[in-house]
Protein backbone atom coordinates (compact mmCIF):
# COMPACT_ATOMS: atom_id res chain seq x y z
CA MET A 1 -4.68 -23.98 -26.33
CA ASP A 2 -5.37 -26.28 -23.38
CA ALA A 3 -8.06 -24.65 -21.21
CA ASP A 4 -6.51 -26.10 -18.06
CA LEU A 5 -3.16 -24.48 -18.90
CA THR A 6 -4.84 -21.15 -19.59
CA LYS A 7 -6.55 -21.29 -16.21
CA LYS A 8 -3.28 -22.07 -14.41
CA VAL A 9 -1.41 -19.27 -16.19
CA TYR A 10 -4.20 -16.80 -15.42
CA GLN A 11 -4.17 -17.73 -11.74
CA VAL A 12 -0.39 -17.58 -11.34
CA PHE A 13 -0.47 -13.90 -12.36
CA ASP A 14 -2.56 -12.96 -9.34
CA PRO A 15 -1.94 -9.23 -8.69
CA ALA A 16 -2.31 -9.65 -4.92
CA PRO A 17 0.85 -8.94 -2.87
CA LEU A 18 3.12 -11.91 -2.31
CA ARG A 19 2.61 -13.51 1.08
CA SER A 20 5.49 -14.44 3.36
CA THR A 21 4.94 -18.08 2.30
CA GLN A 22 5.57 -17.21 -1.38
CA ALA A 23 9.23 -16.32 -1.09
CA ASP A 24 10.00 -18.53 -4.10
CA LEU A 25 8.15 -16.05 -6.34
CA TYR A 26 9.96 -12.98 -5.02
CA ILE A 27 12.30 -11.12 -7.37
CA ASP A 28 14.59 -8.49 -5.85
CA LEU A 29 13.90 -5.23 -7.68
CA ASP A 30 16.13 -3.00 -5.55
CA PRO A 31 18.93 -2.75 -8.16
CA VAL A 32 16.47 -1.37 -10.73
CA ARG A 33 14.52 0.77 -8.28
CA GLY A 34 17.56 2.85 -7.41
CA ASN A 35 18.82 0.59 -4.57
CA ALA A 36 16.16 1.87 -2.18
CA ASN A 37 16.88 -0.98 0.30
CA VAL A 38 13.61 -0.16 2.04
CA VAL A 39 13.38 -3.42 3.99
CA THR A 40 16.95 -3.18 5.28
CA ARG A 41 16.50 0.41 6.41
CA LEU A 42 13.18 -0.27 8.15
CA ALA A 43 14.59 -3.36 9.89
CA ASP A 44 17.82 -1.64 10.99
CA ARG A 45 15.95 1.22 12.65
CA ILE A 46 13.91 -1.29 14.62
CA VAL A 47 16.74 -3.62 15.60
CA LEU A 48 19.26 -0.90 16.45
CA SER A 49 16.92 1.28 18.51
CA ASN A 50 16.69 1.07 22.30
CA LYS A 51 13.13 2.45 22.36
CA PRO A 52 9.95 2.00 20.28
CA THR A 53 10.10 3.47 16.78
CA CYS A 54 7.36 4.60 14.40
CA GLN A 55 8.18 4.56 10.70
CA ILE A 56 6.24 5.50 7.58
CA ILE A 57 6.43 3.78 4.20
CA ALA A 58 4.85 5.17 1.03
CA GLY A 59 4.68 4.41 -2.66
CA HIS A 60 2.27 4.06 -5.55
CA ARG A 61 -0.35 1.36 -5.22
CA GLY A 62 1.00 -1.64 -7.07
CA CYS A 63 4.67 -0.77 -6.68
CA GLY A 64 5.27 -3.67 -4.31
CA LYS A 65 4.94 -2.09 -0.84
CA SER A 66 2.97 -4.95 0.69
CA THR A 67 5.37 -7.50 -0.77
CA GLU A 68 8.29 -5.61 0.78
CA LEU A 69 6.45 -5.41 4.11
CA CYS A 70 5.98 -9.18 4.05
CA ARG A 71 9.75 -9.45 3.53
CA LEU A 72 10.24 -7.15 6.51
CA GLN A 73 7.96 -9.41 8.56
CA ARG A 74 9.98 -12.47 7.56
CA ARG A 75 13.34 -10.77 8.26
CA LEU A 76 12.28 -9.60 11.72
CA SER A 77 10.74 -12.97 12.52
CA ASP A 78 14.05 -14.64 11.64
CA GLN A 79 15.65 -12.42 14.29
CA GLY A 80 13.25 -13.56 17.00
CA ILE A 81 10.85 -10.61 16.82
CA PHE A 82 7.10 -11.23 16.80
CA VAL A 83 5.43 -9.26 14.00
CA VAL A 84 1.73 -8.37 14.00
CA TYR A 85 0.74 -7.79 10.37
CA CYS A 86 -2.36 -5.62 10.51
CA LYS A 87 -4.35 -5.31 7.28
CA ALA A 88 -6.35 -2.16 7.93
CA ASP A 89 -8.80 -2.93 5.11
CA GLU A 90 -10.19 -5.81 7.17
CA ASP A 91 -11.57 -3.45 9.81
CA ILE A 92 -11.64 0.03 8.25
CA ASP A 93 -13.72 1.68 5.55
CA ARG A 94 -11.01 3.27 3.39
CA ASN A 95 -13.48 6.02 2.42
CA ASP A 96 -13.60 7.29 6.00
CA VAL A 97 -10.57 6.74 8.24
CA ASP A 98 -9.68 8.26 11.59
CA PHE A 99 -7.52 7.21 14.52
CA PRO A 100 -10.17 5.39 16.62
CA GLU A 101 -10.73 2.84 13.84
CA VAL A 102 -6.96 2.38 13.41
CA LEU A 103 -6.60 1.70 17.13
CA VAL A 104 -9.41 -0.88 17.11
CA ALA A 105 -7.96 -2.59 14.01
CA ILE A 106 -4.50 -2.81 15.58
CA ILE A 107 -5.64 -4.30 18.89
CA ARG A 108 -8.22 -6.61 17.30
CA GLN A 109 -5.74 -8.12 14.83
CA MET A 110 -2.96 -8.27 17.42
CA ALA A 111 -5.27 -10.22 19.75
CA LYS A 112 -6.16 -12.63 16.94
CA GLN A 113 -2.58 -13.28 15.85
CA LEU A 114 -1.40 -13.76 19.42
CA LYS A 115 -4.29 -16.16 20.03
CA ASP A 116 -3.05 -18.20 17.05
CA LEU A 117 0.26 -18.40 18.93
CA GLY A 118 -1.50 -19.64 22.06
CA ILE A 119 -1.58 -16.31 23.90
CA SER A 120 -5.01 -15.10 25.04
CA LEU A 121 -4.97 -11.47 26.09
CA LYS A 122 -7.04 -10.25 29.03
CA PRO A 123 -9.39 -7.32 28.36
CA GLY A 124 -7.49 -5.24 30.90
CA TYR A 125 -8.30 -1.56 30.91
CA PHE A 126 -10.63 -1.99 27.90
CA LYS A 127 -13.33 -3.26 30.29
CA ASP A 128 -13.73 0.23 31.71
CA ARG A 129 -14.21 1.70 28.25
CA TRP A 130 -16.55 -0.99 26.89
CA ASP A 131 -19.64 -0.02 28.89
CA ARG A 132 -19.73 3.40 27.20
CA LEU A 133 -20.19 1.77 23.79
CA LYS A 134 -22.92 -0.75 24.64
CA ASN A 135 -25.79 1.42 23.44
CA VAL A 136 -24.21 1.89 20.03
CA LEU A 137 -23.18 -1.76 19.73
CA GLY A 138 -26.55 -3.05 20.93
CA SER A 139 -24.80 -5.44 23.27
CA GLU A 140 -25.24 -6.16 26.94
CA VAL A 141 -22.47 -8.71 27.20
CA SER A 142 -19.17 -7.92 28.91
CA LEU A 143 -15.65 -8.39 27.59
CA ASP A 144 -15.07 -10.93 30.34
CA GLU A 145 -17.84 -13.08 28.83
CA ILE A 146 -16.82 -12.89 25.16
CA GLY A 147 -13.10 -12.06 25.37
CA LEU A 148 -11.08 -9.16 23.99
CA GLU A 149 -10.81 -10.37 20.40
CA ALA A 150 -14.52 -11.21 20.02
CA GLY A 151 -15.52 -7.90 21.56
CA LEU A 152 -13.28 -5.93 19.23
CA VAL A 153 -14.53 -7.94 16.24
CA LYS A 154 -18.03 -6.70 17.00
CA LEU A 155 -16.77 -3.15 17.47
CA ALA A 156 -14.75 -3.23 14.23
CA LEU A 157 -17.65 -4.62 12.19
CA THR A 158 -19.95 -1.92 13.52
CA VAL A 159 -17.44 0.84 12.80
CA LYS A 160 -16.75 -0.39 9.26
CA SER A 161 -20.29 -1.20 8.13
CA SER A 162 -22.34 1.65 9.59
CA PRO A 163 -21.37 5.29 8.92
CA ASP A 164 -23.90 6.50 11.50
CA ALA A 165 -22.57 4.15 14.17
CA ARG A 166 -19.03 5.11 13.19
CA MET A 167 -19.71 8.79 13.83
CA GLU A 168 -21.45 8.00 17.12
CA ILE A 169 -18.56 5.82 18.30
CA ARG A 170 -16.07 8.53 17.34
CA LYS A 171 -18.01 11.04 19.45
CA LEU A 172 -17.83 8.65 22.40
CA LEU A 173 -14.15 7.83 21.88
CA GLU A 174 -12.83 11.29 21.05
CA PRO A 175 -12.91 12.82 24.56
CA ASP A 176 -11.49 9.56 25.89
CA THR A 177 -8.73 8.97 23.32
CA ALA A 178 -5.89 9.12 25.83
CA ASN A 179 -7.55 6.44 27.96
CA TRP A 180 -8.14 4.21 24.92
CA VAL A 181 -4.44 4.51 24.03
CA GLN A 182 -3.60 3.68 27.65
CA ALA A 183 -5.88 0.63 27.41
CA ALA A 184 -4.15 -0.42 24.19
CA ASN A 185 -0.73 -0.05 25.80
CA ASP A 186 -1.94 -2.07 28.79
CA VAL A 187 -2.77 -4.92 26.40
CA ILE A 188 0.47 -4.47 24.39
CA GLY A 189 2.49 -4.58 27.60
CA GLN A 190 0.80 -7.83 28.60
CA ALA A 191 1.45 -9.24 25.11
CA LYS A 192 5.17 -8.42 25.26
CA ILE A 193 5.54 -10.17 28.63
CA GLU A 194 3.83 -13.29 27.23
CA LEU A 195 5.99 -13.17 24.08
CA ILE A 196 9.25 -12.89 26.01
CA ALA A 197 8.19 -15.97 27.99
CA LYS A 198 7.86 -17.79 24.65
CA GLY A 199 11.35 -16.74 23.54
CA PHE A 200 10.64 -13.65 21.44
CA SER A 201 12.84 -10.60 21.95
CA ASP A 202 10.39 -7.87 20.92
CA MET A 203 7.17 -7.06 19.07
CA VAL A 204 6.54 -4.98 15.92
CA ILE A 205 3.17 -3.95 14.48
CA ILE A 206 2.96 -3.34 10.71
CA VAL A 207 -0.19 -1.48 9.65
CA ASP A 208 -0.73 -1.97 5.91
CA ASP A 209 -3.46 -0.57 3.60
CA LEU A 210 -3.61 2.96 5.05
CA ASP A 211 -1.98 4.10 1.79
CA LYS A 212 -5.27 3.11 0.10
CA MET A 213 -7.41 5.51 2.13
CA VAL A 214 -9.51 7.84 -0.01
CA ASN A 215 -7.94 11.26 0.36
CA ARG A 216 -10.63 13.92 0.56
CA PRO A 217 -11.28 17.13 2.53
CA SER A 218 -11.44 16.42 6.25
CA VAL A 219 -14.52 17.49 8.19
CA GLU A 220 -12.41 17.89 11.34
CA ALA A 221 -9.81 20.33 9.99
CA ASP A 222 -8.87 22.46 7.00
CA CYS A 223 -6.79 19.74 5.33
CA SER A 224 -7.11 16.36 3.64
CA THR A 225 -8.13 13.23 5.54
CA ALA A 226 -4.65 11.73 5.05
CA GLU A 227 -3.01 14.87 6.40
CA TYR A 228 -5.39 14.92 9.36
CA LEU A 229 -4.56 11.30 10.25
CA PHE A 230 -0.78 11.40 9.82
CA VAL A 231 -0.08 14.98 10.93
CA ASN A 232 -2.85 16.03 13.31
CA ARG A 233 -3.13 12.54 14.82
CA GLU A 234 0.61 11.83 15.00
CA ALA A 235 0.62 11.95 18.81
CA GLN A 236 -1.86 9.06 18.90
CA LEU A 237 -0.32 7.04 16.04
CA THR A 238 3.08 7.11 17.77
CA ALA A 239 1.83 6.58 21.33
CA PHE A 240 1.93 2.77 21.36
CA VAL A 241 4.62 1.09 23.46
CA CYS A 242 6.05 -1.02 20.63
CA HIS A 243 7.63 -0.57 17.22
CA LEU A 244 5.21 0.46 14.45
CA VAL A 245 5.32 0.74 10.66
CA TYR A 246 2.46 2.49 8.85
CA THR A 247 1.79 2.78 5.13
CA MET A 248 0.82 6.25 3.93
CA PRO A 249 -0.61 7.66 0.65
CA ILE A 250 2.20 8.69 -1.71
CA SER A 251 0.56 12.05 -2.34
CA LEU A 252 1.24 12.99 1.29
CA ALA A 253 4.87 11.88 1.04
CA TYR A 254 5.29 14.33 -1.86
CA SER A 255 3.35 17.21 -0.39
CA ALA A 256 4.27 20.38 1.45
CA GLN A 257 3.74 18.38 4.67
CA GLU A 258 6.59 15.93 3.98
CA GLN A 259 9.14 17.82 6.08
CA THR A 260 6.61 18.19 8.91
CA ILE A 261 6.01 14.42 8.77
CA ALA A 262 9.77 13.78 8.82
CA ASN A 263 10.09 15.93 11.95
CA LEU A 264 7.12 14.31 13.67
CA TYR A 265 8.17 10.71 13.00
CA GLY A 266 11.92 11.17 13.35
CA GLY A 267 12.78 10.49 9.71
CA HIS A 268 11.62 10.93 6.15
CA PRO A 269 9.04 8.43 4.87
CA SER A 270 10.60 5.42 3.15
CA VAL A 271 9.38 5.33 -0.45
CA VAL A 272 9.14 2.23 -2.64
CA PRO A 273 9.73 3.64 -6.14
CA MET A 274 8.83 2.16 -9.50
CA THR A 275 11.14 -0.12 -11.45
CA LYS A 276 13.10 1.77 -14.08
CA LEU A 277 12.26 0.41 -17.56
CA ALA A 278 13.50 3.47 -19.43
CA GLY A 279 15.50 6.59 -18.70
CA MET A 280 14.26 10.07 -17.90
CA PRO A 281 12.25 12.08 -20.39
CA PRO A 282 12.69 13.37 -22.97
CA GLY A 283 15.14 10.74 -24.24
CA ARG A 284 13.67 7.73 -22.40
CA LYS A 285 16.60 5.54 -23.33
CA PRO A 286 15.60 1.88 -22.70
CA HIS A 287 16.90 0.35 -19.48
CA PRO A 288 17.57 -3.34 -20.19
CA GLY A 289 18.14 -4.15 -16.50
CA GLY A 290 14.62 -3.21 -15.46
CA ALA A 291 13.00 -5.01 -18.37
CA ALA A 292 15.09 -8.10 -17.60
CA LYS A 293 13.90 -8.10 -13.99
CA PHE A 294 10.26 -7.94 -15.09
CA ALA A 295 10.90 -10.75 -17.57
CA GLU A 296 12.33 -12.70 -14.63
CA ILE A 297 9.10 -12.10 -12.69
CA ILE A 298 7.17 -13.62 -15.59
CA GLN A 299 9.55 -16.58 -15.99
CA THR A 300 9.51 -17.36 -12.27
CA ARG A 301 5.73 -17.52 -12.18
CA LEU A 302 5.47 -19.56 -15.37
CA ALA A 303 7.93 -22.09 -13.96
CA THR A 304 5.42 -22.97 -11.24
CA VAL A 305 2.69 -23.90 -13.77
CA PRO A 306 4.84 -25.11 -15.59
CA ALA A 307 4.54 -23.27 -18.91
CA SER A 308 7.02 -21.85 -21.39
CA GLU A 309 7.08 -18.27 -22.68
CA ASP A 310 6.32 -19.61 -26.17
CA GLN A 311 3.09 -21.13 -24.86
CA VAL A 312 1.98 -17.88 -23.23
CA PHE A 313 3.18 -15.14 -25.61
CA ALA A 314 2.79 -15.21 -29.38
CA SER A 315 6.22 -13.55 -29.72
CA PRO A 316 8.96 -12.02 -27.54
CA GLU A 317 7.71 -8.61 -28.69
CA VAL A 318 4.32 -9.27 -27.08
CA GLN A 319 5.96 -9.90 -23.70
CA ASP A 320 8.17 -6.81 -24.14
CA GLU A 321 5.14 -4.62 -24.87
CA LEU A 322 3.29 -5.84 -21.78
CA ILE A 323 6.34 -5.03 -19.67
CA ARG A 324 6.63 -1.56 -21.24
CA LEU A 325 2.95 -0.79 -20.64
CA SER A 326 3.31 -1.68 -16.95
CA GLY A 327 5.45 1.39 -16.36
CA GLY A 328 7.56 -0.57 -13.88
CA GLN A 329 4.58 -1.51 -11.67
CA PRO A 330 4.63 -5.22 -10.73
CA ARG A 331 0.90 -5.26 -9.98
CA GLU A 332 0.06 -3.55 -13.28
CA LEU A 333 2.07 -6.18 -15.16
CA MET A 334 -0.07 -8.92 -13.57
CA ILE A 335 -3.29 -7.09 -14.41
CA LEU A 336 -2.27 -6.48 -18.03
CA ILE A 337 -1.37 -10.14 -18.57
CA ARG A 338 -4.68 -11.28 -17.08
CA ASP A 339 -6.64 -8.74 -19.13
CA ALA A 340 -4.90 -9.89 -22.30
CA ILE A 341 -5.81 -13.52 -21.57
CA ILE A 342 -9.50 -12.80 -20.94
CA GLY A 343 -11.53 -13.37 -24.08
CA ASN A 344 -8.50 -14.41 -26.13
CA GLY A 345 -6.82 -17.25 -24.31
CA LEU A 346 -3.25 -18.31 -25.03
CA PRO A 347 -0.91 -17.50 -26.58
CA ILE A 348 -1.35 -13.76 -26.01
CA ALA A 349 -1.37 -12.02 -29.39
CA PRO A 350 -0.61 -8.35 -30.24
CA ALA A 351 -4.33 -7.62 -30.69
CA ALA A 352 -5.06 -8.84 -27.15
CA VAL A 353 -2.33 -6.59 -25.75
CA GLU A 354 -3.70 -3.60 -27.66
CA ARG A 355 -7.19 -4.30 -26.33
CA ALA A 356 -5.91 -4.44 -22.74
CA ALA A 357 -3.97 -1.22 -23.30
CA ARG A 358 -7.01 0.48 -24.86
CA ASP A 359 -9.09 -0.42 -21.80
CA GLY A 360 -6.43 1.14 -19.60
CA ARG A 361 -6.22 4.30 -21.69
CA GLN A 362 -9.99 4.70 -21.61
CA ALA A 363 -10.05 4.30 -17.82
CA TYR A 364 -7.43 7.02 -17.35
CA GLY A 365 -9.03 9.22 -19.99
CA ARG A 366 -12.30 9.24 -18.04
CA GLN A 367 -10.67 10.51 -14.83
CA LEU A 368 -8.41 13.21 -16.29
CA GLN A 369 -9.49 16.82 -16.38
CA ALA A 370 -8.32 19.70 -18.56
CA GLU A 371 -6.47 21.14 -15.54
CA HIS A 372 -4.33 18.00 -15.36
CA MET A 373 -2.98 18.34 -18.90
CA PRO A 374 -0.31 21.05 -18.37
CA ILE A 375 1.15 19.04 -15.47
CA LEU A 376 1.24 15.84 -17.54
CA ASP A 377 2.75 17.69 -20.49
CA ASN A 378 5.53 19.09 -18.32
CA VAL A 379 6.36 15.65 -16.89
CA ARG A 380 6.42 14.14 -20.38
CA LYS A 381 8.89 16.79 -21.52
CA ASN A 382 11.41 16.90 -18.69
CA GLY A 383 10.57 14.25 -16.07
CA LYS A 384 9.96 16.80 -13.33
CA LEU A 385 7.00 17.89 -11.22
CA ALA A 386 6.55 21.65 -11.28
CA ARG A 387 4.24 22.01 -8.31
CA ASP A 388 3.03 25.15 -6.60
CA SER A 389 0.22 26.21 -4.28
CA LYS A 390 -2.20 26.46 -7.20
CA ASN A 391 -1.68 22.98 -8.66
CA ASP A 392 -0.76 21.03 -5.51
CA THR A 393 -4.15 19.31 -5.28
CA LEU A 394 -4.01 18.35 -8.97
CA VAL A 395 -0.50 16.91 -8.57
CA ARG A 396 -1.65 14.81 -5.60
CA GLU A 397 -4.56 13.47 -7.64
CA LEU A 398 -2.22 12.43 -10.46
CA LEU A 399 0.17 10.71 -8.06
CA GLU A 400 -2.63 8.88 -6.22
CA SER A 401 -4.22 7.67 -9.44
CA ARG A 402 -0.83 6.56 -10.79
CA ALA A 403 -1.20 8.80 -13.83
CA ILE A 404 2.25 10.08 -12.82
CA LEU A 405 4.82 7.54 -11.61
CA GLN A 406 7.83 8.26 -9.42
CA TYR A 407 11.33 6.79 -9.90
CA GLU A 408 14.54 7.06 -7.89
CA ASN A 409 17.40 5.99 -10.14
CA ASP A 410 20.45 8.29 -9.78
CA VAL A 411 18.12 11.24 -9.17
CA GLU A 412 14.44 11.44 -8.30
CA TRP A 413 12.36 11.81 -11.44
CA TYR A 414 8.87 11.24 -12.78
CA ASP A 415 7.16 9.99 -15.90
CA VAL A 416 3.62 9.69 -17.18
CA ASN A 417 2.04 6.25 -16.93
CA PRO A 418 2.27 4.59 -20.38
CA LEU A 419 -1.49 3.91 -20.19
CA VAL A 420 -2.36 7.60 -19.88
CA PRO A 421 -3.55 8.78 -23.32
CA GLU A 422 -1.63 11.60 -24.95
CA PRO A 423 -3.68 14.62 -26.04
CA PRO A 424 -4.48 14.68 -29.77
CA ARG A 425 -1.99 16.63 -31.83
CA LYS A 426 -3.25 19.73 -33.55
CA ALA A 427 -3.27 19.75 -37.33
CA SER A 428 -0.77 22.09 -38.99
CA GLY A 429 -3.64 24.08 -40.52
CA LYS A 430 -1.70 25.31 -43.53
CA LYS A 431 -3.84 27.02 -46.11
CA GLN A 432 -3.61 25.95 -49.73
């Protein structure tokens, strides 16, 4: 097979979220996700409200959250609303996340995106806070000299790259959190005035990537780091004087804290579920609609190469098996196709698919513990999560790792990721 074609096909199945400029590759999965209409619901709450809103969106990594958020950005932009798309990973170490870093990431990226629009924000109240950080930052320059964005770039880099500096900065910021929020709102207020002068009606900040934070015991409280950020820090997360949308780990959306979160944020978290490829266990009756949508994803991407399905897959069954193994995860489909191409080229043969699947099974097999097995067995049998105070942590681990996938067709239900290995069956042991 032509090496140039193989390279183009490999690259077109990039698992990264679709950007707002890639609308031609977008396939609407709502009908096979249970008509979640996440984008419409998020947008309506923003547009219809007469005061700033703060909404939470959750879902498995790879389910398409970021792609849907890019659609939300485009929809709001079409209605004359300026959207700051904040990728938290650019400024935050996902292994150690707290509110001060979120605040710095939001203001730093807002300043940059407004600057691209021709709006340069004044440091405002941040000048009064900056002097307290100079010793940690090793800087004697003022914000007036370097500007708000450049100053926050230095602060964000220090916070992300140095755990010791991060802890020191948190100690300095913690007693002064209210004033830092006031400084942020001072800047946001200035931004909104400038935006209205340019014809925008409002501003929305979308904070993506917080769903990727590593959820571990918090050193500040007797809870997980995700719970500490979204529950204990809710007053700070919601204190900004503009509309906000945050992504949150799915394990927290399906925890005992979900109702508390709904009360704090004025509504239940919006969840982007998986695409239904088969029905609920134990029958798992095939769902042609979901498989057809995933086939459409493949066809749409191949059309940009261009390449035909015959050139890429040795048989229709090969494509069907890759779709089945994805479990209804768009990102996983991209990864599986790429893994099958590596070392084998095109067309993708059954042996290449089995090798990619084996790699996936081995990866999951290494992270599963004996305590996980009864939970997985129960989900395999009836599609339900039987969670209690004893297994709650284990259930969260399985949701976060995508060993268990969540669906919302007709009723909420669950299934085990097709790449999770089944336990070996015991021999009958009959004596002769």
